[in-house]
Amino acid sequence: MPNLDSLKKLFNYQTVFTVTVFLLVGLAIINLVSTNILATQGFAVSESETRTLKLEKENHQLSVKIEEAARLGSLEAMAVQSGFVRSKSIVFAPTPPTFASR
């Protein structure tokens, strides 16, 4: 038969209270550390979002510059500056009709 007096001495109120306090303090420390880690990661995410927005804005500006450079008027001006001239007559080369043969 087990010795119940030794178990009562082992699990008295003071021991249970002390263990409970240590557990609560440990959980509070774990909570603080995890909250700090999440806050730090939040700053990293915020910095990444800011950089992403900056890159998207730069990408939009570059797209606008590309569209401006690709307009026909600007292409014609660049061709004239390069020495190209507009053709006076257009020559069409006749092509024989195509048909399937066996």
Protein backbone atom coordinates (compact mmCIF):
# COMPACT_ATOMS: atom_id res chain seq x y z
CA MET A 1 0.00 0.00 0.00
CA PRO A 2 1.45 3.40 -0.97
CA ASN A 3 2.47 5.86 1.68
CA LEU A 4 -0.16 8.61 1.41
CA ASP A 5 1.49 10.79 4.00
CA SER A 6 4.57 11.26 1.80
CA LEU A 7 2.35 12.19 -1.18
CA LYS A 8 0.50 14.74 0.94
CA LYS A 9 3.81 16.21 2.00
CA LEU A 10 5.02 16.29 -1.61
CA PHE A 11 1.85 17.97 -2.98
CA ASN A 12 1.13 20.59 -0.36
CA TYR A 13 -0.35 23.98 -1.25
CA GLN A 14 2.95 25.79 -1.14
CA THR A 15 4.55 23.44 -3.68
CA VAL A 16 1.54 23.62 -6.00
CA PHE A 17 1.51 27.42 -5.71
CA THR A 18 5.25 27.66 -6.45
CA VAL A 19 4.99 25.39 -9.50
CA THR A 20 1.99 27.37 -10.76
CA VAL A 21 3.84 30.67 -10.38
CA PHE A 22 6.86 29.31 -12.26
CA LEU A 23 4.63 28.03 -15.06
CA LEU A 24 2.82 31.38 -15.35
CA VAL A 25 6.10 33.31 -15.37
CA GLY A 26 7.49 30.94 -18.00
CA LEU A 27 4.40 31.36 -20.17
CA ALA A 28 4.59 35.14 -19.79
CA ILE A 29 8.24 35.13 -20.91
CA ILE A 30 7.42 32.90 -23.90
CA ASN A 31 4.56 35.26 -24.79
CA LEU A 32 6.84 38.32 -24.64
CA VAL A 33 9.52 36.68 -26.76
CA SER A 34 7.05 35.52 -29.40
CA THR A 35 5.40 38.96 -29.49
CA ASN A 36 8.80 40.57 -29.99
CA ILE A 37 9.62 38.14 -32.82
CA LEU A 38 6.30 38.87 -34.54
CA ALA A 39 6.81 42.63 -34.20
CA THR A 40 10.29 42.39 -35.70
CA GLN A 41 8.96 40.34 -38.61
CA GLY A 42 6.23 42.95 -39.07
CA PHE A 43 8.87 45.64 -39.59
CA ALA A 44 10.62 43.45 -42.16
CA VAL A 45 7.33 42.90 -44.01
CA SER A 46 6.62 46.62 -43.92
CA GLU A 47 10.05 47.40 -45.39
CA SER A 48 9.48 44.80 -48.11
CA GLU A 49 6.09 46.30 -48.99
CA THR A 50 7.62 49.78 -49.16
CA ARG A 51 10.36 48.53 -51.49
CA THR A 52 7.78 46.70 -53.61
CA LEU A 53 5.70 49.86 -54.01
CA LYS A 54 8.82 51.83 -54.95
CA LEU A 55 9.78 49.24 -57.58
CA GLU A 56 6.23 49.20 -58.98
CA LYS A 57 6.32 52.98 -59.33
CA GLU A 58 9.71 52.82 -61.06
CA ASN A 59 8.40 50.06 -63.35
CA HIS A 60 5.43 52.23 -64.30
CA GLN A 61 7.71 55.18 -65.07
CA LEU A 62 9.91 52.99 -67.26
CA SER A 63 6.85 51.66 -69.09
CA VAL A 64 5.75 55.22 -69.82
CA LYS A 65 9.23 56.08 -71.15
CA ILE A 66 9.19 52.99 -73.39
CA GLU A 67 5.77 53.91 -74.75
CA GLU A 68 6.92 57.48 -75.44
CA ALA A 69 10.03 56.21 -77.24
CA ALA A 70 8.01 53.75 -79.33
CA ARG A 71 5.55 56.30 -80.76
CA LEU A 72 5.58 56.53 -84.55
CA GLY A 73 6.33 60.26 -84.55
CA SER A 74 9.42 59.83 -82.47
CA LEU A 75 10.48 56.85 -84.57
CA GLU A 76 10.10 58.95 -87.71
CA ALA A 77 12.16 61.76 -86.19
CA MET A 78 14.90 59.31 -85.21
CA ALA A 79 14.85 57.85 -88.75
CA VAL A 80 15.23 61.32 -90.29
CA GLN A 81 18.11 62.09 -87.92
CA SER A 82 19.75 58.83 -88.94
CA GLY A 83 19.58 59.78 -92.62
CA PHE A 84 16.68 57.67 -93.82
CA VAL A 85 14.37 59.19 -96.44
CA ARG A 86 10.76 58.45 -97.26
CA SER A 87 10.29 56.44 -100.42
CA LYS A 88 8.49 58.18 -103.28
CA SER A 89 7.21 55.04 -104.93
CA ILE A 90 6.36 51.67 -103.55
CA VAL A 91 7.38 48.66 -105.61
CA PHE A 92 5.38 45.48 -105.30
CA ALA A 93 7.05 42.28 -106.39
CA PRO A 94 4.57 39.92 -108.03
CA THR A 95 4.37 36.48 -106.53
CA PRO A 96 3.12 33.42 -108.33
CA PRO A 97 -0.13 31.99 -107.06
CA THR A 98 0.35 29.21 -104.61
CA PHE A 99 -1.50 25.94 -104.80
CA ALA A 100 -1.13 22.53 -103.30
CA SER A 101 0.41 19.84 -105.45
CA ARG A 102 0.60 16.13 -105.02
